[in-house]
Amino acid sequence: NIVVLTGAGISKESGLDTFRDADGLWSRVNLEDVATP
């Protein structure tokens, strides 16, 4: 059996931003504002 874990890096070449790169999504918005209850 195989378990594959994927993160934002697999979708970056599809044109979607990663989160934690220097130019990633969290460098442009405050995660406490948009990604917390």
PDB file of all heavy atoms in Angstrom:
ATOM      1  N   ASN A   1       0.826  -1.199   0.000  1.00  0.00           N
ATOM      2  CA  ASN A   1       0.000   0.000   0.000  1.00  0.00           C
ATOM      3  C   ASN A   1       0.869   1.260   0.000  1.00  0.00           C
ATOM      4  O   ASN A   1       1.918   1.292   0.653  1.00  0.00           O
ATOM      5  CB  ASN A   1      -0.922   0.021   1.216  1.00  0.00           C
ATOM      6  CG  ASN A   1      -1.947  -1.096   1.183  1.00  0.00           C
ATOM      7  OD1 ASN A   1      -2.243  -1.646   0.119  1.00  0.00           O
ATOM      8  ND2 ASN A   1      -2.486  -1.435   2.341  1.00  0.00           N
ATOM      9  N   ILE A   2       0.388   2.284  -0.694  1.00  0.00           N
ATOM     10  CA  ILE A   2       1.104   3.554  -0.807  1.00  0.00           C
ATOM     11  C   ILE A   2       0.219   4.679  -0.280  1.00  0.00           C
ATOM     12  O   ILE A   2      -0.963   4.752  -0.624  1.00  0.00           O
ATOM     13  CB  ILE A   2       1.492   3.856  -2.268  1.00  0.00           C
ATOM     14  CG1 ILE A   2       2.400   2.761  -2.836  1.00  0.00           C
ATOM     15  CG2 ILE A   2       2.166   5.230  -2.382  1.00  0.00           C
ATOM     16  CD1 ILE A   2       2.700   2.922  -4.323  1.00  0.00           C
ATOM     17  N   VAL A   3       0.800   5.543   0.555  1.00  0.00           N
ATOM     18  CA  VAL A   3       0.150   6.787   0.959  1.00  0.00           C
ATOM     19  C   VAL A   3       0.979   7.940   0.414  1.00  0.00           C
ATOM     20  O   VAL A   3       2.190   8.009   0.637  1.00  0.00           O
ATOM     21  CB  VAL A   3       0.016   6.907   2.489  1.00  0.00           C
ATOM     22  CG1 VAL A   3      -0.540   8.289   2.868  1.00  0.00           C
ATOM     23  CG2 VAL A   3      -0.888   5.813   3.042  1.00  0.00           C
ATOM     24  N   VAL A   4       0.318   8.838  -0.324  1.00  0.00           N
ATOM     25  CA  VAL A   4       0.976  10.008  -0.897  1.00  0.00           C
ATOM     26  C   VAL A   4       0.411  11.251  -0.224  1.00  0.00           C
ATOM     27  O   VAL A   4      -0.796  11.478  -0.237  1.00  0.00           O
ATOM     28  CB  VAL A   4       0.738  10.094  -2.414  1.00  0.00           C
ATOM     29  CG1 VAL A   4       1.469  11.319  -2.993  1.00  0.00           C
ATOM     30  CG2 VAL A   4       1.189   8.817  -3.111  1.00  0.00           C
ATOM     31  N   LEU A   5       1.278  12.062   0.367  1.00  0.00           N
ATOM     32  CA  LEU A   5       0.892  13.359   0.924  1.00  0.00           C
ATOM     33  C   LEU A   5       1.311  14.438  -0.049  1.00  0.00           C
ATOM     34  O   LEU A   5       2.462  14.473  -0.489  1.00  0.00           O
ATOM     35  CB  LEU A   5       1.577  13.585   2.267  1.00  0.00           C
ATOM     36  CG  LEU A   5       1.431  14.995   2.868  1.00  0.00           C
ATOM     37  CD1 LEU A   5      -0.011  15.252   3.306  1.00  0.00           C
ATOM     38  CD2 LEU A   5       2.390  15.190   4.042  1.00  0.00           C
ATOM     39  N   THR A   6       0.378  15.330  -0.408  1.00  0.00           N
ATOM     40  CA  THR A   6       0.741  16.432  -1.299  1.00  0.00           C
ATOM     41  C   THR A   6       0.458  17.780  -0.657  1.00  0.00           C
ATOM     42  O   THR A   6      -0.458  17.925   0.150  1.00  0.00           O
ATOM     43  CB  THR A   6       0.004  16.356  -2.648  1.00  0.00           C
ATOM     44  OG1 THR A   6      -1.398  16.566  -2.449  1.00  0.00           O
ATOM     45  CG2 THR A   6       0.243  15.026  -3.331  1.00  0.00           C
ATOM     46  N   GLY A   7       1.272  18.757  -1.048  1.00  0.00           N
ATOM     47  CA  GLY A   7       1.094  20.125  -0.589  1.00  0.00           C
ATOM     48  C   GLY A   7       1.046  21.079  -1.763  1.00  0.00           C
ATOM     49  O   GLY A   7       0.968  20.672  -2.928  1.00  0.00           O
ATOM     50  N   ALA A   8       1.122  22.366  -1.470  1.00  0.00           N
ATOM     51  CA  ALA A   8       0.917  23.400  -2.481  1.00  0.00           C
ATOM     52  C   ALA A   8       1.917  23.317  -3.626  1.00  0.00           C
ATOM     53  O   ALA A   8       1.627  23.759  -4.745  1.00  0.00           O
ATOM     54  CB  ALA A   8       0.990  24.782  -1.824  1.00  0.00           C
ATOM     55  N   GLY A   9       3.091  22.738  -3.382  1.00  0.00           N
ATOM     56  CA  GLY A   9       4.111  22.651  -4.417  1.00  0.00           C
ATOM     57  C   GLY A   9       3.699  21.872  -5.639  1.00  0.00           C
ATOM     58  O   GLY A   9       4.195  22.124  -6.742  1.00  0.00           O
ATOM     59  N   ILE A  10       2.775  20.913  -5.471  1.00  0.00           N
ATOM     60  CA  ILE A  10       2.362  20.122  -6.633  1.00  0.00           C
ATOM     61  C   ILE A  10       1.435  20.916  -7.542  1.00  0.00           C
ATOM     62  O   ILE A  10       1.314  20.626  -8.737  1.00  0.00           O
ATOM     63  CB  ILE A  10       1.700  18.791  -6.194  1.00  0.00           C
ATOM     64  CG1 ILE A  10       1.690  17.793  -7.370  1.00  0.00           C
ATOM     65  CG2 ILE A  10       0.298  19.016  -5.655  1.00  0.00           C
ATOM     66  CD1 ILE A  10       1.254  16.392  -7.004  1.00  0.00           C
ATOM     67  N   SER A  11       0.771  21.924  -7.005  1.00  0.00           N
ATOM     68  CA  SER A  11      -0.163  22.726  -7.801  1.00  0.00           C
ATOM     69  C   SER A  11       0.443  24.025  -8.318  1.00  0.00           C
ATOM     70  O   SER A  11      -0.180  24.727  -9.115  1.00  0.00           O
ATOM     71  CB  SER A  11      -1.422  23.047  -6.971  1.00  0.00           C
ATOM     72  OG  SER A  11      -2.141  21.874  -6.675  1.00  0.00           O
ATOM     73  N   LYS A  12       1.656  24.342  -7.888  1.00  0.00           N
ATOM     74  CA  LYS A  12       2.262  25.615  -8.281  1.00  0.00           C
ATOM     75  C   LYS A  12       2.404  25.719  -9.796  1.00  0.00           C
ATOM     76  O   LYS A  12       2.151  26.775 -10.386  1.00  0.00           O
ATOM     77  CB  LYS A  12       3.625  25.777  -7.609  1.00  0.00           C
ATOM     78  CG  LYS A  12       4.280  27.130  -7.878  1.00  0.00           C
ATOM     79  CD  LYS A  12       5.532  27.323  -7.051  1.00  0.00           C
ATOM     80  CE  LYS A  12       6.111  28.712  -7.272  1.00  0.00           C
ATOM     81  NZ  LYS A  12       7.310  28.961  -6.431  1.00  0.00           N
ATOM     82  N   GLU A  13       2.766  24.610 -10.453  1.00  0.00           N
ATOM     83  CA  GLU A  13       2.947  24.640 -11.901  1.00  0.00           C
ATOM     84  C   GLU A  13       1.625  24.618 -12.657  1.00  0.00           C
ATOM     85  O   GLU A  13       1.609  24.701 -13.888  1.00  0.00           O
ATOM     86  CB  GLU A  13       3.848  23.479 -12.334  1.00  0.00           C
ATOM     87  CG  GLU A  13       5.280  23.643 -11.872  1.00  0.00           C
ATOM     88  CD  GLU A  13       6.116  22.410 -12.135  1.00  0.00           C
ATOM     89  OE1 GLU A  13       6.649  22.291 -13.251  1.00  0.00           O
ATOM     90  OE2 GLU A  13       6.220  21.554 -11.229  1.00  0.00           O
ATOM     91  N   SER A  14       0.522  24.524 -11.907  1.00  0.00           N
ATOM     92  CA  SER A  14      -0.800  24.685 -12.508  1.00  0.00           C
ATOM     93  C   SER A  14      -1.279  26.120 -12.426  1.00  0.00           C
ATOM     94  O   SER A  14      -2.412  26.431 -12.797  1.00  0.00           O
ATOM     95  CB  SER A  14      -1.813  23.767 -11.803  1.00  0.00           C
ATOM     96  OG  SER A  14      -1.556  22.416 -12.101  1.00  0.00           O
ATOM     97  N   GLY A  15      -0.437  27.004 -11.880  1.00  0.00           N
ATOM     98  CA  GLY A  15      -0.768  28.415 -11.823  1.00  0.00           C
ATOM     99  C   GLY A  15      -1.330  28.877 -10.495  1.00  0.00           C
ATOM    100  O   GLY A  15      -1.831  30.001 -10.399  1.00  0.00           O
ATOM    101  N   LEU A  16      -1.231  28.052  -9.455  1.00  0.00           N
ATOM    102  CA  LEU A  16      -1.745  28.428  -8.144  1.00  0.00           C
ATOM    103  C   LEU A  16      -0.608  28.808  -7.212  1.00  0.00           C
ATOM    104  O   LEU A  16       0.441  28.163  -7.192  1.00  0.00           O
ATOM    105  CB  LEU A  16      -2.549  27.273  -7.527  1.00  0.00           C
ATOM    106  CG  LEU A  16      -3.836  26.899  -8.273  1.00  0.00           C
ATOM    107  CD1 LEU A  16      -4.515  25.732  -7.565  1.00  0.00           C
ATOM    108  CD2 LEU A  16      -4.785  28.091  -8.355  1.00  0.00           C
ATOM    109  N   ASP A  17      -0.832  29.833  -6.409  1.00  0.00           N
ATOM    110  CA  ASP A  17       0.176  30.281  -5.457  1.00  0.00           C
ATOM    111  C   ASP A  17       0.402  29.252  -4.370  1.00  0.00           C
ATOM    112  O   ASP A  17      -0.533  28.599  -3.899  1.00  0.00           O
ATOM    113  CB  ASP A  17      -0.262  31.591  -4.781  1.00  0.00           C
ATOM    114  CG  ASP A  17      -0.178  32.778  -5.721  1.00  0.00           C
ATOM    115  OD1 ASP A  17       0.629  32.723  -6.662  1.00  0.00           O
ATOM    116  OD2 ASP A  17      -0.919  33.751  -5.493  1.00  0.00           O
ATOM    117  N   THR A  18       1.666  29.110  -3.951  1.00  0.00           N
ATOM    118  CA  THR A  18       1.958  28.416  -2.706  1.00  0.00           C
ATOM    119  C   THR A  18       1.710  29.392  -1.560  1.00  0.00           C
ATOM    120  O   THR A  18       1.392  30.556  -1.759  1.00  0.00           O
ATOM    121  CB  THR A  18       3.406  27.921  -2.680  1.00  0.00           C
ATOM    122  OG1 THR A  18       4.266  29.056  -2.829  1.00  0.00           O
ATOM    123  CG2 THR A  18       3.672  26.933  -3.813  1.00  0.00           C
ATOM    124  N   PHE A  19       1.870  28.894  -0.333  1.00  0.00           N
ATOM    125  CA  PHE A  19       1.573  29.728   0.825  1.00  0.00           C
ATOM    126  C   PHE A  19       2.822  30.302   1.467  1.00  0.00           C
ATOM    127  O   PHE A  19       2.840  31.455   1.848  1.00  0.00           O
ATOM    128  CB  PHE A  19       0.796  28.908   1.865  1.00  0.00           C
ATOM    129  CG  PHE A  19      -0.603  28.591   1.425  1.00  0.00           C
ATOM    130  CD1 PHE A  19      -0.862  27.473   0.661  1.00  0.00           C
ATOM    131  CD2 PHE A  19      -1.659  29.422   1.759  1.00  0.00           C
ATOM    132  CE1 PHE A  19      -2.152  27.177   0.239  1.00  0.00           C
ATOM    133  CE2 PHE A  19      -2.951  29.147   1.351  1.00  0.00           C
ATOM    134  CZ  PHE A  19      -3.191  28.015   0.586  1.00  0.00           C
ATOM    135  N   ARG A  20       3.883  29.505   1.585  1.00  0.00           N
ATOM    136  CA  ARG A  20       4.994  29.879   2.441  1.00  0.00           C
ATOM    137  C   ARG A  20       6.257  30.276   1.691  1.00  0.00           C
ATOM    138  O   ARG A  20       7.270  30.549   2.304  1.00  0.00           O
ATOM    139  CB  ARG A  20       5.285  28.733   3.426  1.00  0.00           C
ATOM    140  CG  ARG A  20       4.118  28.517   4.374  1.00  0.00           C
ATOM    141  CD  ARG A  20       4.321  27.348   5.328  1.00  0.00           C
ATOM    142  NE  ARG A  20       3.126  27.160   6.144  1.00  0.00           N
ATOM    143  CZ  ARG A  20       2.872  27.826   7.258  1.00  0.00           C
ATOM    144  NH1 ARG A  20       3.728  28.727   7.699  1.00  0.00           N
ATOM    145  NH2 ARG A  20       1.766  27.605   7.933  1.00  0.00           N
ATOM    146  N   ASP A  21       6.224  30.281   0.360  1.00  0.00           N
ATOM    147  CA  ASP A  21       7.364  30.820  -0.374  1.00  0.00           C
ATOM    148  C   ASP A  21       7.505  32.311  -0.070  1.00  0.00           C
ATOM    149  O   ASP A  21       6.593  32.953   0.444  1.00  0.00           O
ATOM    150  CB  ASP A  21       7.164  30.638  -1.880  1.00  0.00           C
ATOM    151  CG  ASP A  21       7.357  29.185  -2.317  1.00  0.00           C
ATOM    152  OD1 ASP A  21       7.831  28.386  -1.497  1.00  0.00           O
ATOM    153  OD2 ASP A  21       7.013  28.866  -3.470  1.00  0.00           O
ATOM    154  N   ALA A  22       8.659  32.865  -0.439  1.00  0.00           N
ATOM    155  CA  ALA A  22       8.899  34.290  -0.177  1.00  0.00           C
ATOM    156  C   ALA A  22       7.829  35.173  -0.813  1.00  0.00           C
ATOM    157  O   ALA A  22       7.471  36.216  -0.269  1.00  0.00           O
ATOM    158  CB  ALA A  22      10.284  34.676  -0.681  1.00  0.00           C
ATOM    159  N   ASP A  23       7.323  34.738  -1.980  1.00  0.00           N
ATOM    160  CA  ASP A  23       6.275  35.502  -2.656  1.00  0.00           C
ATOM    161  C   ASP A  23       4.918  34.809  -2.545  1.00  0.00           C
ATOM    162  O   ASP A  23       4.008  35.068  -3.332  1.00  0.00           O
ATOM    163  CB  ASP A  23       6.625  35.707  -4.129  1.00  0.00           C
ATOM    164  CG  ASP A  23       6.770  34.381  -4.882  1.00  0.00           C
ATOM    165  OD1 ASP A  23       6.878  33.327  -4.222  1.00  0.00           O
ATOM    166  OD2 ASP A  23       6.779  34.413  -6.131  1.00  0.00           O
ATOM    167  N   GLY A  24       4.778  33.914  -1.561  1.00  0.00           N
ATOM    168  CA  GLY A  24       3.566  33.124  -1.427  1.00  0.00           C
ATOM    169  C   GLY A  24       2.403  33.909  -0.846  1.00  0.00           C
ATOM    170  O   GLY A  24       2.509  35.089  -0.490  1.00  0.00           O
ATOM    171  N   LEU A  25       1.278  33.208  -0.722  1.00  0.00           N
ATOM    172  CA  LEU A  25       0.029  33.856  -0.334  1.00  0.00           C
ATOM    173  C   LEU A  25       0.123  34.528   1.028  1.00  0.00           C
ATOM    174  O   LEU A  25      -0.390  35.633   1.227  1.00  0.00           O
ATOM    175  CB  LEU A  25      -1.086  32.809  -0.328  1.00  0.00           C
ATOM    176  CG  LEU A  25      -2.522  33.309  -0.357  1.00  0.00           C
ATOM    177  CD1 LEU A  25      -2.765  34.165  -1.578  1.00  0.00           C
ATOM    178  CD2 LEU A  25      -3.478  32.129  -0.341  1.00  0.00           C
ATOM    179  N   TRP A  26       0.807  33.887   1.984  1.00  0.00           N
ATOM    180  CA  TRP A  26       0.860  34.460   3.334  1.00  0.00           C
ATOM    181  C   TRP A  26       1.791  35.665   3.423  1.00  0.00           C
ATOM    182  O   TRP A  26       1.847  36.330   4.455  1.00  0.00           O
ATOM    183  CB  TRP A  26       1.262  33.414   4.360  1.00  0.00           C
ATOM    184  CG  TRP A  26       0.307  32.279   4.524  1.00  0.00           C
ATOM    185  CD1 TRP A  26       0.613  30.971   4.771  1.00  0.00           C
ATOM    186  CD2 TRP A  26      -1.140  32.318   4.492  1.00  0.00           C
ATOM    187  NE1 TRP A  26      -0.532  30.210   4.858  1.00  0.00           N
ATOM    188  CE2 TRP A  26      -1.608  31.001   4.698  1.00  0.00           C
ATOM    189  CE3 TRP A  26      -2.070  33.352   4.282  1.00  0.00           C
ATOM    190  CZ2 TRP A  26      -2.975  30.688   4.718  1.00  0.00           C
ATOM    191  CZ3 TRP A  26      -3.432  33.038   4.290  1.00  0.00           C
ATOM    192  CH2 TRP A  26      -3.864  31.736   4.511  1.00  0.00           C
ATOM    193  N   SER A  27       2.534  35.955   2.355  1.00  0.00           N
ATOM    194  CA  SER A  27       3.335  37.193   2.346  1.00  0.00           C
ATOM    195  C   SER A  27       2.489  38.392   1.944  1.00  0.00           C
ATOM    196  O   SER A  27       2.913  39.534   2.099  1.00  0.00           O
ATOM    197  CB  SER A  27       4.524  37.045   1.380  1.00  0.00           C
ATOM    198  OG  SER A  27       4.090  37.040   0.025  1.00  0.00           O
ATOM    199  N   ARG A  28       1.277  38.133   1.438  1.00  0.00           N
ATOM    200  CA  ARG A  28       0.440  39.220   0.928  1.00  0.00           C
ATOM    201  C   ARG A  28      -0.822  39.464   1.755  1.00  0.00           C
ATOM    202  O   ARG A  28      -1.444  40.524   1.625  1.00  0.00           O
ATOM    203  CB  ARG A  28       0.043  38.928  -0.521  1.00  0.00           C
ATOM    204  CG  ARG A  28       1.243  38.734  -1.436  1.00  0.00           C
ATOM    205  CD  ARG A  28       0.853  38.790  -2.900  1.00  0.00           C
ATOM    206  NE  ARG A  28      -0.082  37.744  -3.285  1.00  0.00           N
ATOM    207  CZ  ARG A  28       0.285  36.519  -3.655  1.00  0.00           C
ATOM    208  NH1 ARG A  28       1.572  36.184  -3.664  1.00  0.00           N
ATOM    209  NH2 ARG A  28      -0.620  35.632  -4.023  1.00  0.00           N
ATOM    210  N   VAL A  29      -1.220  38.484   2.565  1.00  0.00           N
ATOM    211  CA  VAL A  29      -2.378  38.655   3.438  1.00  0.00           C
ATOM    212  C   VAL A  29      -2.019  38.171   4.831  1.00  0.00           C
ATOM    213  O   VAL A  29      -1.097  37.380   5.007  1.00  0.00           O
ATOM    214  CB  VAL A  29      -3.620  37.884   2.918  1.00  0.00           C
ATOM    215  CG1 VAL A  29      -4.064  38.413   1.573  1.00  0.00           C
ATOM    216  CG2 VAL A  29      -3.340  36.385   2.850  1.00  0.00           C
ATOM    217  N   ASN A  30      -2.754  38.644   5.808  1.00  0.00           N
ATOM    218  CA  ASN A  30      -2.543  38.220   7.190  1.00  0.00           C
ATOM    219  C   ASN A  30      -3.393  36.989   7.445  1.00  0.00           C
ATOM    220  O   ASN A  30      -4.620  37.045   7.401  1.00  0.00           O
ATOM    221  CB  ASN A  30      -2.945  39.366   8.132  1.00  0.00           C
ATOM    222  CG  ASN A  30      -2.576  39.070   9.572  1.00  0.00           C
ATOM    223  OD1 ASN A  30      -2.481  37.917   9.979  1.00  0.00           O
ATOM    224  ND2 ASN A  30      -2.365  40.123  10.348  1.00  0.00           N
ATOM    225  N   LEU A  31      -2.737  35.853   7.709  1.00  0.00           N
ATOM    226  CA  LEU A  31      -3.494  34.609   7.856  1.00  0.00           C
ATOM    227  C   LEU A  31      -4.476  34.673   9.025  1.00  0.00           C
ATOM    228  O   LEU A  31      -5.534  34.034   8.991  1.00  0.00           O
ATOM    229  CB  LEU A  31      -2.560  33.404   7.980  1.00  0.00           C
ATOM    230  CG  LEU A  31      -1.651  33.256   9.208  1.00  0.00           C
ATOM    231  CD1 LEU A  31      -2.342  32.552  10.351  1.00  0.00           C
ATOM    232  CD2 LEU A  31      -0.386  32.487   8.843  1.00  0.00           C
ATOM    233  N   GLU A  32      -4.151  35.456  10.071  1.00  0.00           N
ATOM    234  CA  GLU A  32      -5.079  35.586  11.196  1.00  0.00           C
ATOM    235  C   GLU A  32      -6.382  36.271  10.778  1.00  0.00           C
ATOM    236  O   GLU A  32      -7.423  36.056  11.394  1.00  0.00           O
ATOM    237  CB  GLU A  32      -4.438  36.378  12.345  1.00  0.00           C
ATOM    238  CG  GLU A  32      -3.400  35.608  13.144  1.00  0.00           C
ATOM    239  CD  GLU A  32      -2.030  35.636  12.507  1.00  0.00           C
ATOM    240  OE1 GLU A  32      -1.877  36.328  11.466  1.00  0.00           O
ATOM    241  OE2 GLU A  32      -1.106  34.960  13.010  1.00  0.00           O
ATOM    242  N   ASP A  33      -6.314  37.059   9.718  1.00  0.00           N
ATOM    243  CA  ASP A  33      -7.509  37.765   9.245  1.00  0.00           C
ATOM    244  C   ASP A  33      -8.404  36.894   8.381  1.00  0.00           C
ATOM    245  O   ASP A  33      -9.635  37.026   8.425  1.00  0.00           O
ATOM    246  CB  ASP A  33      -7.118  39.019   8.449  1.00  0.00           C
ATOM    247  CG  ASP A  33      -6.541  40.112   9.324  1.00  0.00           C
ATOM    248  OD1 ASP A  33      -6.837  40.134  10.539  1.00  0.00           O
ATOM    249  OD2 ASP A  33      -5.772  40.949   8.797  1.00  0.00           O
ATOM    250  N   VAL A  34      -7.806  36.013   7.574  1.00  0.00           N
ATOM    251  CA  VAL A  34      -8.601  35.297   6.562  1.00  0.00           C
ATOM    252  C   VAL A  34      -8.605  33.788   6.727  1.00  0.00           C
ATOM    253  O   VAL A  34      -9.324  33.099   5.997  1.00  0.00           O
ATOM    254  CB  VAL A  34      -8.126  35.648   5.134  1.00  0.00           C
ATOM    255  CG1 VAL A  34      -8.287  37.134   4.860  1.00  0.00           C
ATOM    256  CG2 VAL A  34      -6.692  35.192   4.892  1.00  0.00           C
ATOM    257  N   ALA A  35      -7.853  33.251   7.656  1.00  0.00           N
ATOM    258  CA  ALA A  35      -7.750  31.791   7.762  1.00  0.00           C
ATOM    259  C   ALA A  35      -7.866  31.307   9.207  1.00  0.00           C
ATOM    260  O   ALA A  35      -7.230  30.324   9.596  1.00  0.00           O
ATOM    261  CB  ALA A  35      -6.437  31.301   7.135  1.00  0.00           C
ATOM    262  N   THR A  36      -8.666  32.006  10.008  1.00  0.00           N
ATOM    263  CA  THR A  36      -8.950  31.571  11.375  1.00  0.00           C
ATOM    264  C   THR A  36     -10.426  31.791  11.672  1.00  0.00           C
ATOM    265  O   THR A  36     -11.051  32.703  11.103  1.00  0.00           O
ATOM    266  CB  THR A  36      -8.125  32.357  12.417  1.00  0.00           C
ATOM    267  OG1 THR A  36      -8.506  33.736  12.367  1.00  0.00           O
ATOM    268  CG2 THR A  36      -6.627  32.229  12.162  1.00  0.00           C
ATOM    269  N   PRO A  37     -11.010  30.993  12.567  1.00  0.00           N
ATOM    270  CA  PRO A  37     -12.392  31.247  12.971  1.00  0.00           C
ATOM    271  C   PRO A  37     -12.569  32.643  13.573  1.00  0.00           C
ATOM    272  O   PRO A  37     -13.607  33.285  13.379  1.00  0.00           O
ATOM    273  CB  PRO A  37     -12.664  30.157  14.011  1.00  0.00           C
ATOM    274  CG  PRO A  37     -11.676  29.074  13.713  1.00  0.00           C
ATOM    275  CD  PRO A  37     -10.454  29.788  13.201  1.00  0.00           C
TER     276      PRO A  37
END
